[in-house]
């Protein structure tokens, strides 16, 4: 089965996360969680990171922006990662080593 463009971004993010041996999981979208939660939740050396994956010109929704802002207010990190921004994720890990 072919991967979607967003699926390729998620796979690239997971490769970077695994490279840095960080804990991660995909937030379940099964009706029991909150809408807008980032796609990937990461814990690395005590730091929290929410990653919202986007492909092409897709943009975040208002609910996703609300969750990203809430994470920042709580002292965590959150970012939107696109195909051309995988290096930003790698840099986030490097800055915390």
PDB file of N, CA and C in Angstrom:
ATOM      1  N   UNK A   1       0.842  -1.181   0.000  1.00  0.00           N
ATOM      2  CA  UNK A   1       0.000   0.000   0.000  1.00  0.00           C
ATOM      3  C   UNK A   1       0.886   1.243   0.000  1.00  0.00           C
ATOM      4  N   UNK A   2       0.555   2.195  -0.848  1.00  0.00           N
ATOM      5  CA  UNK A   2       1.350   3.419  -0.975  1.00  0.00           C
ATOM      6  C   UNK A   2       1.140   4.311   0.238  1.00  0.00           C
ATOM      7  N   UNK A   3       2.206   4.967   0.622  1.00  0.00           N
ATOM      8  CA  UNK A   3       2.140   5.896   1.745  1.00  0.00           C
ATOM      9  C   UNK A   3       1.640   7.250   1.264  1.00  0.00           C
ATOM     10  N   UNK A   4       0.856   7.911   2.100  1.00  0.00           N
ATOM     11  CA  UNK A   4       0.404   9.265   1.784  1.00  0.00           C
ATOM     12  C   UNK A   4       1.562  10.233   1.980  1.00  0.00           C
ATOM     13  N   UNK A   5       1.468  11.439   1.406  1.00  0.00           N
ATOM     14  CA  UNK A   5       2.529  12.431   1.652  1.00  0.00           C
ATOM     15  C   UNK A   5       2.734  12.698   3.153  1.00  0.00           C
ATOM     16  N   UNK A   6       1.633  12.803   3.912  1.00  0.00           N
ATOM     17  CA  UNK A   6       1.770  13.022   5.353  1.00  0.00           C
ATOM     18  C   UNK A   6       2.376  11.796   6.026  1.00  0.00           C
ATOM     19  N   UNK A   7       2.044  10.623   5.530  1.00  0.00           N
ATOM     20  CA  UNK A   7       2.631   9.386   6.053  1.00  0.00           C
ATOM     21  C   UNK A   7       4.137   9.361   5.873  1.00  0.00           C
ATOM     22  N   UNK A   8       4.610   9.910   4.759  1.00  0.00           N
ATOM     23  CA  UNK A   8       6.065   9.979   4.535  1.00  0.00           C
ATOM     24  C   UNK A   8       6.726  10.945   5.522  1.00  0.00           C
ATOM     25  N   UNK A   9       6.043  12.056   5.834  1.00  0.00           N
ATOM     26  CA  UNK A   9       6.574  12.999   6.827  1.00  0.00           C
ATOM     27  C   UNK A   9       6.636  12.317   8.196  1.00  0.00           C
ATOM     28  N   UNK A  10       5.580  11.601   8.558  1.00  0.00           N
ATOM     29  CA  UNK A  10       5.568  10.883   9.835  1.00  0.00           C
ATOM     30  C   UNK A  10       6.700   9.864   9.896  1.00  0.00           C
ATOM     31  N   UNK A  11       6.910   9.118   8.809  1.00  0.00           N
ATOM     32  CA  UNK A  11       7.982   8.118   8.777  1.00  0.00           C
ATOM     33  C   UNK A  11       9.352   8.779   8.927  1.00  0.00           C
ATOM     34  N   UNK A  12       9.545   9.921   8.289  1.00  0.00           N
ATOM     35  CA  UNK A  12      10.822  10.641   8.410  1.00  0.00           C
ATOM     36  C   UNK A  12      11.023  11.132   9.841  1.00  0.00           C
ATOM     37  N   UNK A  13       9.948  11.604  10.474  1.00  0.00           N
ATOM     38  CA  UNK A  13      10.043  12.047  11.873  1.00  0.00           C
ATOM     39  C   UNK A  13      10.414  10.879  12.779  1.00  0.00           C
ATOM     40  N   UNK A  14       9.772   9.741  12.569  1.00  0.00           N
ATOM     41  CA  UNK A  14      10.063   8.563  13.391  1.00  0.00           C
ATOM     42  C   UNK A  14      11.520   8.141  13.224  1.00  0.00           C
ATOM     43  N   UNK A  15      12.054   8.234  12.019  1.00  0.00           N
ATOM     44  CA  UNK A  15      13.464   7.886  11.797  1.00  0.00           C
ATOM     45  C   UNK A  15      14.377   8.782  12.629  1.00  0.00           C
ATOM     46  N   UNK A  16      14.077  10.075  12.682  1.00  0.00           N
ATOM     47  CA  UNK A  16      14.885  11.009  13.482  1.00  0.00           C
ATOM     48  C   UNK A  16      14.721  10.699  14.966  1.00  0.00           C
ATOM     49  N   UNK A  17      13.495  10.443  15.394  1.00  0.00           N
ATOM     50  CA  UNK A  17      13.238  10.129  16.807  1.00  0.00           C
ATOM     51  C   UNK A  17      14.005   8.881  17.217  1.00  0.00           C
ATOM     52  N   UNK A  18      13.964   7.850  16.390  1.00  0.00           N
ATOM     53  CA  UNK A  18      14.681   6.608  16.693  1.00  0.00           C
ATOM     54  C   UNK A  18      16.186   6.819  16.692  1.00  0.00           C
ATOM     55  N   UNK A  19      16.677   7.650  15.798  1.00  0.00           N
ATOM     56  CA  UNK A  19      18.112   7.967  15.745  1.00  0.00           C
ATOM     57  C   UNK A  19      18.592   8.498  17.091  1.00  0.00           C
ATOM     58  N   UNK A  20      17.719   9.257  17.772  1.00  0.00           N
ATOM     59  CA  UNK A  20      18.078   9.851  19.058  1.00  0.00           C
ATOM     60  C   UNK A  20      17.596   9.014  20.241  1.00  0.00           C
ATOM     61  N   UNK A  21      17.056   7.843  19.962  1.00  0.00           N
ATOM     62  CA  UNK A  21      16.620   6.887  20.985  1.00  0.00           C
ATOM     63  C   UNK A  21      15.644   7.520  21.979  1.00  0.00           C
ATOM     64  N   UNK A  22      14.696   8.271  21.455  1.00  0.00           N
ATOM     65  CA  UNK A  22      13.701   8.934  22.300  1.00  0.00           C
ATOM     66  C   UNK A  22      12.447   8.069  22.410  1.00  0.00           C
ATOM     67  N   UNK A  23      11.702   8.269  23.483  1.00  0.00           N
ATOM     68  CA  UNK A  23      10.405   7.628  23.664  1.00  0.00           C
ATOM     69  C   UNK A  23       9.387   8.406  22.839  1.00  0.00           C
ATOM     70  N   UNK A  24       8.487   7.699  22.158  1.00  0.00           N
ATOM     71  CA  UNK A  24       7.451   8.375  21.387  1.00  0.00           C
ATOM     72  C   UNK A  24       6.235   7.482  21.225  1.00  0.00           C
ATOM     73  N   UNK A  25       5.123   8.109  20.900  1.00  0.00           N
ATOM     74  CA  UNK A  25       3.929   7.365  20.508  1.00  0.00           C
ATOM     75  C   UNK A  25       3.055   8.255  19.642  1.00  0.00           C
ATOM     76  N   UNK A  26       2.192   7.614  18.882  1.00  0.00           N
ATOM     77  CA  UNK A  26       1.213   8.322  18.069  1.00  0.00           C
ATOM     78  C   UNK A  26      -0.058   8.464  18.900  1.00  0.00           C
ATOM     79  N   UNK A  27      -0.550   9.677  18.996  1.00  0.00           N
ATOM     80  CA  UNK A  27      -1.780   9.921  19.752  1.00  0.00           C
ATOM     81  C   UNK A  27      -2.942   9.221  19.037  1.00  0.00           C
ATOM     82  N   UNK A  28      -3.713   8.447  19.791  1.00  0.00           N
ATOM     83  CA  UNK A  28      -4.836   7.709  19.209  1.00  0.00           C
ATOM     84  C   UNK A  28      -6.003   8.652  18.945  1.00  0.00           C
ATOM     85  N   UNK A  29      -6.534   8.564  17.758  1.00  0.00           N
ATOM     86  CA  UNK A  29      -7.710   9.360  17.392  1.00  0.00           C
ATOM     87  C   UNK A  29      -8.920   8.434  17.379  1.00  0.00           C
ATOM     88  N   UNK A  30      -9.357   8.044  18.574  1.00  0.00           N
ATOM     89  CA  UNK A  30     -10.419   7.041  18.662  1.00  0.00           C
ATOM     90  C   UNK A  30     -11.675   7.546  19.358  1.00  0.00           C
ATOM     91  N   UNK A  31     -11.802   8.831  19.512  1.00  0.00           N
ATOM     92  CA  UNK A  31     -12.992   9.368  20.157  1.00  0.00           C
ATOM     93  C   UNK A  31     -12.844   9.593  21.649  1.00  0.00           C
ATOM     94  N   UNK A  32     -11.797   9.079  22.261  1.00  0.00           N
ATOM     95  CA  UNK A  32     -11.606   9.245  23.704  1.00  0.00           C
ATOM     96  C   UNK A  32     -10.631  10.362  24.046  1.00  0.00           C
ATOM     97  N   UNK A  33      -9.931  10.877  23.063  1.00  0.00           N
ATOM     98  CA  UNK A  33      -8.974  11.946  23.317  1.00  0.00           C
ATOM     99  C   UNK A  33      -9.543  13.298  22.946  1.00  0.00           C
ATOM    100  N   UNK A  34      -8.703  14.314  22.987  1.00  0.00           N
ATOM    101  CA  UNK A  34      -9.106  15.665  22.587  1.00  0.00           C
ATOM    102  C   UNK A  34      -8.767  15.873  21.127  1.00  0.00           C
ATOM    103  N   UNK A  35      -9.562  16.645  20.448  1.00  0.00           N
ATOM    104  CA  UNK A  35      -9.283  17.003  19.064  1.00  0.00           C
ATOM    105  C   UNK A  35      -8.094  17.957  19.013  1.00  0.00           C
ATOM    106  N   UNK A  36      -7.268  17.818  17.992  1.00  0.00           N
ATOM    107  CA  UNK A  36      -6.154  18.732  17.781  1.00  0.00           C
ATOM    108  C   UNK A  36      -4.842  18.314  18.399  1.00  0.00           C
ATOM    109  N   UNK A  37      -4.806  17.180  19.084  1.00  0.00           N
ATOM    110  CA  UNK A  37      -3.565  16.706  19.702  1.00  0.00           C
ATOM    111  C   UNK A  37      -2.533  16.455  18.589  1.00  0.00           C
ATOM    112  N   UNK A  38      -1.258  16.823  18.797  1.00  0.00           N
ATOM    113  CA  UNK A  38      -0.238  16.570  17.781  1.00  0.00           C
ATOM    114  C   UNK A  38      -0.151  15.083  17.407  1.00  0.00           C
ATOM    115  N   UNK A  39       0.313  14.823  16.196  1.00  0.00           N
ATOM    116  CA  UNK A  39       0.393  13.458  15.680  1.00  0.00           C
ATOM    117  C   UNK A  39       1.316  12.564  16.502  1.00  0.00           C
ATOM    118  N   UNK A  40       2.475  13.111  16.896  1.00  0.00           N
ATOM    119  CA  UNK A  40       3.477  12.315  17.599  1.00  0.00           C
ATOM    120  C   UNK A  40       3.836  13.021  18.906  1.00  0.00           C
ATOM    121  N   UNK A  41       3.846  12.262  19.986  1.00  0.00           N
ATOM    122  CA  UNK A  41       4.224  12.778  21.300  1.00  0.00           C
ATOM    123  C   UNK A  41       5.580  12.158  21.651  1.00  0.00           C
ATOM    124  N   UNK A  42       6.521  13.002  22.066  1.00  0.00           N
ATOM    125  CA  UNK A  42       7.897  12.569  22.318  1.00  0.00           C
ATOM    126  C   UNK A  42       8.330  12.999  23.719  1.00  0.00           C
ATOM    127  N   UNK A  43       9.097  12.126  24.368  1.00  0.00           N
ATOM    128  CA  UNK A  43       9.796  12.488  25.598  1.00  0.00           C
ATOM    129  C   UNK A  43      11.265  12.161  25.376  1.00  0.00           C
ATOM    130  N   UNK A  44      12.122  13.157  25.585  1.00  0.00           N
ATOM    131  CA  UNK A  44      13.560  12.986  25.375  1.00  0.00           C
ATOM    132  C   UNK A  44      14.309  13.695  26.487  1.00  0.00           C
ATOM    133  N   UNK A  45      14.989  12.900  27.320  1.00  0.00           N
ATOM    134  CA  UNK A  45      15.782  13.449  28.417  1.00  0.00           C
ATOM    135  C   UNK A  45      14.981  14.406  29.300  1.00  0.00           C
ATOM    136  N   UNK A  46      13.722  14.079  29.514  1.00  0.00           N
ATOM    137  CA  UNK A  46      12.861  14.883  30.364  1.00  0.00           C
ATOM    138  C   UNK A  46      12.155  16.026  29.647  1.00  0.00           C
ATOM    139  N   UNK A  47      12.397  16.195  28.373  1.00  0.00           N
ATOM    140  CA  UNK A  47      11.744  17.247  27.589  1.00  0.00           C
ATOM    141  C   UNK A  47      10.546  16.668  26.851  1.00  0.00           C
ATOM    142  N   UNK A  48       9.478  17.441  26.795  1.00  0.00           N
ATOM    143  CA  UNK A  48       8.248  17.051  26.109  1.00  0.00           C
ATOM    144  C   UNK A  48       8.203  17.744  24.750  1.00  0.00           C
ATOM    145  N   UNK A  49       7.805  16.989  23.727  1.00  0.00           N
ATOM    146  CA  UNK A  49       7.668  17.540  22.381  1.00  0.00           C
ATOM    147  C   UNK A  49       6.431  16.965  21.716  1.00  0.00           C
ATOM    148  N   UNK A  50       5.598  17.832  21.178  1.00  0.00           N
ATOM    149  CA  UNK A  50       4.472  17.423  20.348  1.00  0.00           C
ATOM    150  C   UNK A  50       4.806  17.769  18.901  1.00  0.00           C
ATOM    151  N   UNK A  51       4.633  16.814  18.002  1.00  0.00           N
ATOM    152  CA  UNK A  51       4.944  17.025  16.585  1.00  0.00           C
ATOM    153  C   UNK A  51       3.669  16.892  15.763  1.00  0.00           C
ATOM    154  N   UNK A  52       3.328  17.946  15.053  1.00  0.00           N
ATOM    155  CA  UNK A  52       2.226  17.911  14.098  1.00  0.00           C
ATOM    156  C   UNK A  52       2.840  17.788  12.705  1.00  0.00           C
ATOM    157  N   UNK A  53       2.518  16.727  11.999  1.00  0.00           N
ATOM    158  CA  UNK A  53       3.080  16.471  10.675  1.00  0.00           C
ATOM    159  C   UNK A  53       2.141  17.001   9.594  1.00  0.00           C
ATOM    160  N   UNK A  54       2.710  17.729   8.657  1.00  0.00           N
ATOM    161  CA  UNK A  54       1.937  18.280   7.538  1.00  0.00           C
ATOM    162  C   UNK A  54       2.713  18.066   6.247  1.00  0.00           C
ATOM    163  N   UNK A  55       1.984  17.842   5.183  1.00  0.00           N
ATOM    164  CA  UNK A  55       2.603  17.655   3.873  1.00  0.00           C
ATOM    165  C   UNK A  55       2.116  18.742   2.923  1.00  0.00           C
ATOM    166  N   UNK A  56       2.981  19.116   2.010  1.00  0.00           N
ATOM    167  CA  UNK A  56       2.603  20.096   0.999  1.00  0.00           C
ATOM    168  C   UNK A  56       2.209  21.417   1.618  1.00  0.00           C
ATOM    169  N   UNK A  57       1.099  21.944   1.134  1.00  0.00           N
ATOM    170  CA  UNK A  57       0.631  23.246   1.618  1.00  0.00           C
ATOM    171  C   UNK A  57      -0.438  23.120   2.686  1.00  0.00           C
ATOM    172  N   UNK A  58      -0.637  21.913   3.205  1.00  0.00           N
ATOM    173  CA  UNK A  58      -1.625  21.718   4.266  1.00  0.00           C
ATOM    174  C   UNK A  58      -1.243  22.559   5.476  1.00  0.00           C
ATOM    175  N   UNK A  59      -2.244  23.106   6.137  1.00  0.00           N
ATOM    176  CA  UNK A  59      -2.008  23.969   7.294  1.00  0.00           C
ATOM    177  C   UNK A  59      -2.660  23.372   8.537  1.00  0.00           C
ATOM    178  N   UNK A  60      -2.250  23.866   9.670  1.00  0.00           N
ATOM    179  CA  UNK A  60      -2.830  23.400  10.934  1.00  0.00           C
ATOM    180  C   UNK A  60      -4.238  23.973  11.099  1.00  0.00           C
ATOM    181  N   UNK A  61      -5.047  23.210  11.813  1.00  0.00           N
ATOM    182  CA  UNK A  61      -6.405  23.666  12.116  1.00  0.00           C
ATOM    183  C   UNK A  61      -6.369  24.552  13.355  1.00  0.00           C
ATOM    184  N   UNK A  62      -7.471  25.215  13.614  1.00  0.00           N
ATOM    185  CA  UNK A  62      -7.561  26.043  14.819  1.00  0.00           C
ATOM    186  C   UNK A  62      -7.389  25.188  16.077  1.00  0.00           C
ATOM    187  N   UNK A  63      -7.944  23.980  16.067  1.00  0.00           N
ATOM    188  CA  UNK A  63      -7.787  23.094  17.230  1.00  0.00           C
ATOM    189  C   UNK A  63      -6.335  22.676  17.418  1.00  0.00           C
ATOM    190  N   UNK A  64      -5.630  22.402  16.334  1.00  0.00           N
ATOM    191  CA  UNK A  64      -4.210  22.047  16.430  1.00  0.00           C
ATOM    192  C   UNK A  64      -3.394  23.221  16.943  1.00  0.00           C
ATOM    193  N   UNK A  65      -3.693  24.416  16.474  1.00  0.00           N
ATOM    194  CA  UNK A  65      -2.997  25.611  16.966  1.00  0.00           C
ATOM    195  C   UNK A  65      -3.258  25.815  18.454  1.00  0.00           C
ATOM    196  N   UNK A  66      -4.485  25.558  18.885  1.00  0.00           N
ATOM    197  CA  UNK A  66      -4.828  25.674  20.314  1.00  0.00           C
ATOM    198  C   UNK A  66      -3.989  24.712  21.143  1.00  0.00           C
ATOM    199  N   UNK A  67      -3.862  23.477  20.694  1.00  0.00           N
ATOM    200  CA  UNK A  67      -3.087  22.475  21.439  1.00  0.00           C
ATOM    201  C   UNK A  67      -1.604  22.824  21.457  1.00  0.00           C
ATOM    202  N   UNK A  68      -1.071  23.294  20.336  1.00  0.00           N
ATOM    203  CA  UNK A  68       0.342  23.696  20.274  1.00  0.00           C
ATOM    204  C   UNK A  68       0.593  24.836  21.258  1.00  0.00           C
ATOM    205  N   UNK A  69      -0.299  25.811  21.295  1.00  0.00           N
ATOM    206  CA  UNK A  69      -0.153  26.936  22.227  1.00  0.00           C
ATOM    207  C   UNK A  69      -0.245  26.455  23.672  1.00  0.00           C
ATOM    208  N   UNK A  70      -1.133  25.518  23.940  1.00  0.00           N
ATOM    209  CA  UNK A  70      -1.292  24.984  25.298  1.00  0.00           C
ATOM    210  C   UNK A  70      -0.011  24.253  25.730  1.00  0.00           C
ATOM    211  N   UNK A  71       0.584  23.503  24.835  1.00  0.00           N
ATOM    212  CA  UNK A  71       1.846  22.813  25.142  1.00  0.00           C
ATOM    213  C   UNK A  71       2.925  23.834  25.485  1.00  0.00           C
ATOM    214  N   UNK A  72       3.028  24.892  24.696  1.00  0.00           N
ATOM    215  CA  UNK A  72       4.033  25.930  24.972  1.00  0.00           C
ATOM    216  C   UNK A  72       3.785  26.602  26.327  1.00  0.00           C
ATOM    217  N   UNK A  73       2.527  26.902  26.628  1.00  0.00           N
ATOM    218  CA  UNK A  73       2.205  27.531  27.924  1.00  0.00           C
ATOM    219  C   UNK A  73       2.561  26.614  29.092  1.00  0.00           C
ATOM    220  N   UNK A  74       2.487  25.315  28.866  1.00  0.00           N
ATOM    221  CA  UNK A  74       2.800  24.351  29.920  1.00  0.00           C
ATOM    222  C   UNK A  74       4.303  24.098  30.052  1.00  0.00           C
ATOM    223  N   UNK A  75       5.103  24.731  29.211  1.00  0.00           N
ATOM    224  CA  UNK A  75       6.554  24.587  29.296  1.00  0.00           C
ATOM    225  C   UNK A  75       7.139  23.520  28.384  1.00  0.00           C
ATOM    226  N   UNK A  76       6.306  22.936  27.531  1.00  0.00           N
ATOM    227  CA  UNK A  76       6.802  21.934  26.585  1.00  0.00           C
ATOM    228  C   UNK A  76       7.134  22.566  25.250  1.00  0.00           C
ATOM    229  N   UNK A  77       7.565  21.727  24.342  1.00  0.00           N
ATOM    230  CA  UNK A  77       7.853  22.161  22.974  1.00  0.00           C
ATOM    231  C   UNK A  77       6.840  21.524  22.037  1.00  0.00           C
ATOM    232  N   UNK A  78       6.525  22.225  20.978  1.00  0.00           N
ATOM    233  CA  UNK A  78       5.650  21.691  19.941  1.00  0.00           C
ATOM    234  C   UNK A  78       6.064  22.323  18.623  1.00  0.00           C
ATOM    235  N   UNK A  79       5.985  21.532  17.561  1.00  0.00           N
ATOM    236  CA  UNK A  79       6.360  22.050  16.254  1.00  0.00           C
ATOM    237  C   UNK A  79       5.544  21.394  15.168  1.00  0.00           C
ATOM    238  N   UNK A  80       5.444  22.109  14.055  1.00  0.00           N
ATOM    239  CA  UNK A  80       4.846  21.565  12.847  1.00  0.00           C
ATOM    240  C   UNK A  80       6.007  21.187  11.942  1.00  0.00           C
ATOM    241  N   UNK A  81       6.012  19.940  11.478  1.00  0.00           N
ATOM    242  CA  UNK A  81       7.110  19.450  10.632  1.00  0.00           C
ATOM    243  C   UNK A  81       6.560  19.122   9.259  1.00  0.00           C
ATOM    244  N   UNK A  82       7.245  19.624   8.247  1.00  0.00           N
ATOM    245  CA  UNK A  82       6.915  19.359   6.843  1.00  0.00           C
ATOM    246  C   UNK A  82       8.066  18.614   6.183  1.00  0.00           C
ATOM    247  N   UNK A  83       7.858  18.228   4.938  1.00  0.00           N
ATOM    248  CA  UNK A  83       8.879  17.483   4.201  1.00  0.00           C
ATOM    249  C   UNK A  83      10.234  18.185   4.230  1.00  0.00           C
ATOM    250  N   UNK A  84      10.225  19.496   4.092  1.00  0.00           N
ATOM    251  CA  UNK A  84      11.481  20.246   4.015  1.00  0.00           C
ATOM    252  C   UNK A  84      11.973  20.731   5.379  1.00  0.00           C
ATOM    253  N   UNK A  85      11.336  20.261   6.463  1.00  0.00           N
ATOM    254  CA  UNK A  85      11.716  20.736   7.781  1.00  0.00           C
ATOM    255  C   UNK A  85      12.156  19.653   8.745  1.00  0.00           C
ATOM    256  N   UNK A  86      12.492  18.483   8.225  1.00  0.00           N
ATOM    257  CA  UNK A  86      12.918  17.375   9.090  1.00  0.00           C
ATOM    258  C   UNK A  86      14.169  17.764   9.876  1.00  0.00           C
ATOM    259  N   UNK A  87      15.027  18.586   9.273  1.00  0.00           N
ATOM    260  CA  UNK A  87      16.249  19.013   9.965  1.00  0.00           C
ATOM    261  C   UNK A  87      15.936  19.821  11.220  1.00  0.00           C
ATOM    262  N   UNK A  88      14.785  20.524  11.250  1.00  0.00           N
ATOM    263  CA  UNK A  88      14.392  21.271  12.456  1.00  0.00           C
ATOM    264  C   UNK A  88      14.166  20.326  13.624  1.00  0.00           C
ATOM    265  N   UNK A  89      13.582  19.166  13.316  1.00  0.00           N
ATOM    266  CA  UNK A  89      13.360  18.166  14.358  1.00  0.00           C
ATOM    267  C   UNK A  89      14.689  17.615  14.856  1.00  0.00           C
ATOM    268  N   UNK A  90      15.580  17.302  13.944  1.00  0.00           N
ATOM    269  CA  UNK A  90      16.900  16.801  14.323  1.00  0.00           C
ATOM    270  C   UNK A  90      17.630  17.835  15.184  1.00  0.00           C
ATOM    271  N   UNK A  91      17.527  19.094  14.814  1.00  0.00           N
ATOM    272  CA  UNK A  91      18.164  20.168  15.594  1.00  0.00           C
ATOM    273  C   UNK A  91      17.586  20.261  17.000  1.00  0.00           C
ATOM    274  N   UNK A  92      16.266  20.038  17.146  1.00  0.00           N
ATOM    275  CA  UNK A  92      15.639  20.075  18.468  1.00  0.00           C
ATOM    276  C   UNK A  92      16.314  19.065  19.389  1.00  0.00           C
ATOM    277  N   UNK A  93      16.545  17.854  18.879  1.00  0.00           N
ATOM    278  CA  UNK A  93      17.211  16.824  19.682  1.00  0.00           C
ATOM    279  C   UNK A  93      18.659  17.215  19.979  1.00  0.00           C
ATOM    280  N   UNK A  94      19.374  17.679  18.974  1.00  0.00           N
ATOM    281  CA  UNK A  94      20.788  18.038  19.159  1.00  0.00           C
ATOM    282  C   UNK A  94      20.956  19.122  20.220  1.00  0.00           C
ATOM    283  N   UNK A  95      20.032  20.069  20.284  1.00  0.00           N
ATOM    284  CA  UNK A  95      20.110  21.161  21.258  1.00  0.00           C
ATOM    285  C   UNK A  95      19.877  20.676  22.691  1.00  0.00           C
ATOM    286  N   UNK A  96      19.353  19.475  22.850  1.00  0.00           N
ATOM    287  CA  UNK A  96      19.034  18.957  24.177  1.00  0.00           C
ATOM    288  C   UNK A  96      19.968  17.829  24.612  1.00  0.00           C
ATOM    289  N   UNK A  97      21.045  17.644  23.897  1.00  0.00           N
ATOM    290  CA  UNK A  97      22.021  16.608  24.279  1.00  0.00           C
ATOM    291  C   UNK A  97      23.003  17.170  25.286  1.00  0.00           C
TER     292      UNK A  97
END
